[in-house]
Amino acid sequence: MMLQQLDGVEVCLSVTLPDGTWMQLPTSGPLHPVWIELACYLGKAFRAEWCTADDRLVAEEFARYPSAEAFYRESDVYLYHLIGYWLEGCKRPAHAWVLQSTPNKRASVLDYGCGIGCDGLWLLDAGYDVSFADVPSRSLDFLRWRLRQRCYLGTPVHELPLGGGIAPHTFIWCMDVLEHVPPAEHEALLAHLASLGLFVLVNLIDDKTADGTVHHPVDVDGLTQYVQQRWTLVYQDYYARPDGSKTRLLCYGADIPAALMTLPTAPQRLDAGPGWGGKETTP
């Protein structure tokens, strides 16, 4: 990889592809390493103009496929969208809460609905024991490639639906998942998550624009009440997202040891700017 300059002005980034050829990426704005990862993974199929993949582009791409399953299984557009969304920093309150709750980093985490794995990779790099799970998809293919590049060769990657033999985890991390599931299945999914580990950390997005295609509406108050009636609600918080929607972060579980009920009641508040303010590992 090298930067090419013209009259001292940086104009493009050249990346060596696995086949030995070069590809140039524009540097009109901050270029996060994860974009370079995607370019190396996709090779000549990489589309620099998709690095700003917004909801409109995703919706147009979604309409080309006969089902949501086919879209996630075959489309590359969603890879760009997931990267851009992660770089907005929407899930920093959840990361901060986990770091405060498990400072010894001995917790095992199942990243359920992991997508391209940005959250789980961040937790792996921070020292947690992480497993991944998602439906068969282009996102999961990219995650497996990313794990190999980091030499996390033994890290479990499960395809949903999960079969038997999954060991219980300390945390079930399920972020930005429910809005991709039809509302009729939300309660069953929350119950399923509770059966997989000691704690479940899940966010409920109050997105008024969800139209039942890429994103489904989520009954934030109704599902919060559902959780409170069936499990111990350890923690909840409600915060705004950069796109104007709001999300409620819940941590709940059953048979939680009393010693763990002193977990932090509020995460460190962090700005929702792009990336991690220069402090991130490369997820």
Protein backbone atom coordinates (compact mmCIF):
# COMPACT_ATOMS: atom_id res chain seq x y z
CA MET A 1 0.00 0.00 0.00
CA MET A 2 1.32 3.47 -0.79
CA LEU A 3 0.15 7.05 -1.16
CA GLN A 4 0.61 8.75 -4.50
CA GLN A 5 1.04 12.52 -4.61
CA LEU A 6 0.79 15.21 -7.24
CA ASP A 7 2.63 18.50 -6.53
CA GLY A 8 2.74 17.55 -2.87
CA VAL A 9 -1.02 17.01 -2.66
CA GLU A 10 -2.25 13.55 -1.71
CA VAL A 11 -4.64 12.35 -4.42
CA CYS A 12 -5.03 8.58 -4.14
CA LEU A 13 -4.13 5.51 -2.16
CA SER A 14 -2.71 2.54 -4.05
CA VAL A 15 -3.43 -0.89 -2.60
CA THR A 16 -1.81 -4.14 -3.67
CA LEU A 17 -4.44 -6.82 -4.32
CA PRO A 18 -3.92 -10.52 -3.58
CA ASP A 19 -3.23 -11.20 -7.27
CA GLY A 20 -0.35 -8.71 -7.25
CA THR A 21 -2.14 -5.97 -9.18
CA TRP A 22 -2.76 -2.45 -7.89
CA MET A 23 -5.96 -0.58 -7.21
CA GLN A 24 -6.29 3.12 -6.46
CA LEU A 25 -8.68 4.45 -3.81
CA PRO A 26 -9.66 8.12 -3.60
CA THR A 27 -8.56 10.04 -0.52
CA SER A 28 -11.00 12.91 -0.70
CA GLY A 29 -11.87 12.24 2.95
CA PRO A 30 -10.63 10.20 5.92
CA LEU A 31 -9.92 6.64 4.77
CA HIS A 32 -10.43 4.18 7.61
CA PRO A 33 -8.43 0.94 7.48
CA VAL A 34 -11.63 -1.09 7.26
CA TRP A 35 -12.26 0.39 3.79
CA ILE A 36 -8.84 -0.83 2.73
CA GLU A 37 -9.73 -4.26 4.11
CA LEU A 38 -12.88 -4.33 2.01
CA ALA A 39 -10.96 -3.25 -1.09
CA CYS A 40 -8.45 -6.05 -0.58
CA TYR A 41 -11.26 -8.56 -0.01
CA LEU A 42 -13.32 -7.58 -3.05
CA GLY A 43 -10.38 -6.86 -5.34
CA LYS A 44 -11.40 -5.38 -8.68
CA ALA A 45 -15.07 -5.62 -7.69
CA PHE A 46 -14.55 -2.88 -5.08
CA ARG A 47 -16.65 0.23 -5.80
CA ALA A 48 -15.19 3.38 -4.21
CA GLU A 49 -18.38 5.31 -4.95
CA TRP A 50 -20.31 2.93 -2.69
CA CYS A 51 -18.29 4.00 0.37
CA THR A 52 -21.06 6.48 1.00
CA ALA A 53 -23.80 3.85 0.60
CA ASP A 54 -26.87 5.47 2.16
CA ASP A 55 -30.32 4.12 2.92
CA ARG A 56 -31.54 5.05 -0.57
CA LEU A 57 -28.86 2.98 -2.30
CA VAL A 58 -29.46 0.06 0.05
CA ALA A 59 -33.22 0.22 -0.59
CA GLU A 60 -32.68 0.27 -4.36
CA GLU A 61 -30.36 -2.72 -4.13
CA PHE A 62 -32.77 -4.55 -1.80
CA ALA A 63 -35.57 -4.15 -4.36
CA ARG A 64 -33.53 -6.09 -6.93
CA TYR A 65 -33.73 -9.32 -4.93
CA PRO A 66 -36.71 -11.65 -4.45
CA SER A 67 -36.25 -11.87 -0.68
CA ALA A 68 -34.31 -10.46 2.25
CA GLU A 69 -32.41 -13.74 2.48
CA ALA A 70 -31.24 -13.42 -1.14
CA PHE A 71 -30.21 -9.79 -0.57
CA TYR A 72 -28.00 -10.60 2.43
CA ARG A 73 -26.64 -13.74 0.78
CA GLU A 74 -25.66 -12.18 -2.55
CA SER A 75 -25.36 -8.38 -2.40
CA ASP A 76 -22.12 -6.51 -1.71
CA VAL A 77 -23.82 -3.14 -1.19
CA TYR A 78 -24.70 -3.99 2.39
CA LEU A 79 -21.00 -4.49 3.23
CA TYR A 80 -20.37 -0.82 2.46
CA HIS A 81 -23.44 0.24 4.41
CA LEU A 82 -22.38 -1.70 7.51
CA ILE A 83 -18.92 -0.16 7.47
CA GLY A 84 -20.24 3.36 7.11
CA TYR A 85 -22.77 2.81 9.86
CA TRP A 86 -20.20 1.39 12.27
CA LEU A 87 -17.90 4.34 11.69
CA GLU A 88 -20.67 6.68 12.88
CA GLY A 89 -19.99 5.40 16.40
CA CYS A 90 -23.62 4.58 17.23
CA LYS A 91 -22.72 1.67 19.49
CA ARG A 92 -20.11 3.36 21.64
CA PRO A 93 -22.40 3.49 24.71
CA ALA A 94 -22.73 -0.30 24.53
CA HIS A 95 -18.97 -0.77 24.19
CA ALA A 96 -18.36 1.55 27.14
CA TRP A 97 -20.86 -0.34 29.28
CA VAL A 98 -19.25 -3.72 28.54
CA LEU A 99 -15.78 -2.38 29.30
CA GLN A 100 -16.95 -1.04 32.67
CA SER A 101 -18.93 -4.19 33.50
CA THR A 102 -16.13 -6.67 32.78
CA PRO A 103 -12.83 -4.86 33.43
CA ASN A 104 -10.89 -8.14 33.76
CA LYS A 105 -11.75 -9.01 30.13
CA ARG A 106 -12.54 -12.63 31.06
CA ALA A 107 -16.06 -12.54 29.72
CA SER A 108 -17.09 -14.72 26.81
CA VAL A 109 -19.20 -12.88 24.24
CA LEU A 110 -21.44 -14.19 21.46
CA ASP A 111 -21.86 -11.52 18.77
CA TYR A 112 -25.32 -12.57 17.58
CA GLY A 113 -26.25 -11.12 14.21
CA CYS A 114 -22.65 -10.04 13.81
CA GLY A 115 -22.72 -8.86 10.19
CA ILE A 116 -19.16 -8.06 9.12
CA GLY A 117 -18.03 -8.41 12.73
CA CYS A 118 -16.90 -4.87 13.62
CA ASP A 119 -18.19 -5.09 17.19
CA GLY A 120 -16.94 -8.60 17.86
CA LEU A 121 -13.54 -7.86 16.33
CA TRP A 122 -13.23 -4.80 18.53
CA LEU A 123 -14.03 -6.95 21.58
CA LEU A 124 -11.57 -9.62 20.42
CA ASP A 125 -8.83 -7.04 20.09
CA ALA A 126 -9.72 -5.78 23.58
CA GLY A 127 -9.10 -9.26 25.00
CA TYR A 128 -12.54 -10.84 25.23
CA ASP A 129 -13.33 -14.42 24.21
CA VAL A 130 -15.66 -13.83 21.26
CA SER A 131 -17.76 -16.08 19.06
CA PHE A 132 -19.80 -14.90 16.07
CA ALA A 133 -23.18 -15.89 14.65
CA ASP A 134 -25.23 -14.71 11.68
CA VAL A 135 -27.20 -16.01 8.72
CA PRO A 136 -25.21 -17.24 5.70
CA SER A 137 -24.37 -14.03 3.86
CA ARG A 138 -21.76 -11.94 2.11
CA SER A 139 -21.22 -10.24 5.47
CA LEU A 140 -20.32 -13.53 7.15
CA ASP A 141 -17.98 -14.42 4.28
CA PHE A 142 -16.18 -11.09 4.73
CA LEU A 143 -15.96 -11.66 8.51
CA ARG A 144 -14.30 -15.05 8.03
CA TRP A 145 -11.75 -13.40 5.73
CA ARG A 146 -11.11 -10.66 8.31
CA LEU A 147 -10.55 -13.23 11.05
CA ARG A 148 -8.02 -15.06 8.89
CA GLN A 149 -6.16 -11.82 8.18
CA ARG A 150 -5.83 -11.27 11.95
CA CYS A 151 -4.81 -14.90 12.60
CA TYR A 152 -7.90 -15.48 14.77
CA LEU A 153 -8.04 -18.88 13.13
CA GLY A 154 -9.81 -20.74 15.94
CA THR A 155 -12.54 -18.17 16.55
CA PRO A 156 -15.98 -19.83 16.26
CA VAL A 157 -18.26 -18.51 13.52
CA HIS A 158 -21.75 -20.03 13.64
CA GLU A 159 -24.45 -19.87 10.99
CA LEU A 160 -27.99 -19.11 12.11
CA PRO A 161 -30.21 -20.72 13.11
CA LEU A 162 -28.03 -22.16 15.85
CA GLY A 163 -28.02 -25.88 16.44
CA GLY A 164 -27.18 -27.57 19.71
CA GLY A 165 -23.82 -27.71 21.41
CA ILE A 166 -23.30 -23.94 21.85
CA ALA A 167 -21.67 -23.32 25.22
CA PRO A 168 -23.31 -20.62 27.38
CA HIS A 169 -21.65 -17.20 27.16
CA THR A 170 -21.28 -14.40 29.68
CA PHE A 171 -22.70 -11.80 27.29
CA ILE A 172 -24.92 -12.16 24.27
CA TRP A 173 -24.21 -9.10 22.16
CA CYS A 174 -27.18 -8.43 19.85
CA MET A 175 -26.90 -4.95 18.42
CA ASP A 176 -28.84 -3.58 15.44
CA VAL A 177 -30.51 -6.94 14.83
CA LEU A 178 -34.16 -6.74 15.87
CA GLU A 179 -35.00 -4.15 13.21
CA HIS A 180 -34.04 -6.73 10.58
CA VAL A 181 -36.49 -9.27 12.02
CA PRO A 182 -40.28 -9.18 11.46
CA PRO A 183 -42.06 -7.77 14.56
CA ALA A 184 -44.00 -11.00 15.10
CA GLU A 185 -40.69 -12.72 15.88
CA HIS A 186 -39.23 -10.14 18.28
CA GLU A 187 -40.40 -11.65 21.56
CA ALA A 188 -39.28 -15.15 20.56
CA LEU A 189 -35.86 -13.80 19.61
CA LEU A 190 -35.43 -12.04 22.96
CA ALA A 191 -36.32 -15.28 24.74
CA HIS A 192 -33.90 -17.24 22.55
CA LEU A 193 -31.09 -14.81 23.34
CA ALA A 194 -31.75 -15.18 27.08
CA SER A 195 -31.26 -18.94 26.75
CA LEU A 196 -27.76 -18.51 25.30
CA GLY A 197 -25.97 -16.68 28.10
CA LEU A 198 -25.91 -14.98 31.49
CA PHE A 199 -26.59 -11.49 30.15
CA VAL A 200 -28.13 -10.21 26.94
CA LEU A 201 -27.14 -6.77 25.67
CA VAL A 202 -29.60 -5.67 23.00
CA ASN A 203 -30.68 -2.37 21.48
CA LEU A 204 -34.20 -1.45 20.44
CA ILE A 205 -34.24 1.19 17.71
CA ASP A 206 -37.14 3.64 17.53
CA ASP A 207 -36.94 4.33 13.80
CA LYS A 208 -40.06 6.07 12.53
CA THR A 209 -38.98 5.56 8.90
CA ALA A 210 -38.83 1.74 9.08
CA ASP A 211 -41.09 0.45 6.33
CA GLY A 212 -40.81 -3.33 6.73
CA THR A 213 -38.31 -3.86 3.92
CA VAL A 214 -34.68 -3.55 5.01
CA HIS A 215 -35.76 -2.32 8.46
CA HIS A 216 -38.83 -3.30 10.44
CA PRO A 217 -40.51 -1.19 13.13
CA VAL A 218 -39.63 -2.06 16.72
CA ASP A 219 -42.07 -1.61 19.62
CA VAL A 220 -39.49 -0.19 22.04
CA ASP A 221 -41.78 0.31 25.04
CA GLY A 222 -43.69 -2.93 24.51
CA LEU A 223 -40.55 -5.05 24.23
CA THR A 224 -38.98 -3.32 27.24
CA GLN A 225 -42.06 -4.26 29.26
CA TYR A 226 -41.87 -7.80 27.91
CA VAL A 227 -38.28 -8.09 29.13
CA GLN A 228 -39.06 -6.60 32.55
CA GLN A 229 -41.87 -9.08 33.12
CA ARG A 230 -39.76 -12.16 32.36
CA TRP A 231 -36.15 -11.49 33.32
CA THR A 232 -34.00 -9.33 35.56
CA LEU A 233 -33.40 -6.02 33.83
CA VAL A 234 -29.89 -5.08 34.92
CA TYR A 235 -29.55 -1.88 32.96
CA GLN A 236 -31.28 0.34 30.43
CA ASP A 237 -30.46 3.62 28.74
CA TYR A 238 -32.02 5.70 25.99
CA TYR A 239 -29.87 7.78 23.69
CA ALA A 240 -29.97 9.54 20.35
CA ARG A 241 -28.23 8.31 17.20
CA PRO A 242 -26.53 10.41 14.52
CA ASP A 243 -29.32 9.65 12.02
CA GLY A 244 -31.93 11.23 14.31
CA SER A 245 -33.51 8.01 15.56
CA LYS A 246 -33.30 6.89 19.17
CA THR A 247 -32.33 3.56 20.67
CA ARG A 248 -32.91 1.93 24.01
CA LEU A 249 -30.05 -0.20 25.27
CA LEU A 250 -31.13 -3.09 27.52
CA CYS A 251 -29.14 -5.60 29.54
CA TYR A 252 -31.18 -8.45 30.96
CA GLY A 253 -30.89 -12.07 32.05
CA ALA A 254 -32.15 -14.83 34.32
CA ASP A 255 -30.58 -16.28 37.49
CA ILE A 256 -28.05 -13.48 37.71
CA PRO A 257 -25.73 -13.82 40.74
CA ALA A 258 -26.32 -11.12 43.35
CA ALA A 259 -22.67 -10.04 43.17
CA LEU A 260 -23.16 -9.04 39.57
CA MET A 261 -26.15 -6.82 40.30
CA THR A 262 -23.71 -4.00 41.14
CA LEU A 263 -22.79 -3.58 37.49
CA PRO A 264 -22.52 0.02 36.25
CA THR A 265 -25.86 1.75 35.88
CA ALA A 266 -24.73 4.14 33.14
CA PRO A 267 -22.02 3.99 30.53
CA GLN A 268 -19.42 6.65 30.06
CA ARG A 269 -20.99 9.18 27.69
CA LEU A 270 -19.08 9.42 24.43
CA ASP A 271 -19.54 11.67 21.44
CA ALA A 272 -21.14 10.02 18.41
CA GLY A 273 -18.54 11.26 15.96
CA PRO A 274 -16.97 9.16 13.22
CA GLY A 275 -14.81 6.21 14.20
CA TRP A 276 -13.29 6.15 17.65
CA GLY A 277 -11.55 9.51 17.73
CA GLY A 278 -8.21 8.01 16.72
CA LYS A 279 -8.19 5.62 19.68
CA GLU A 280 -9.61 2.57 18.00
CA THR A 281 -7.99 -0.65 17.05
CA THR A 282 -8.78 -1.57 13.46
CA PRO A 283 -12.03 -3.57 13.70
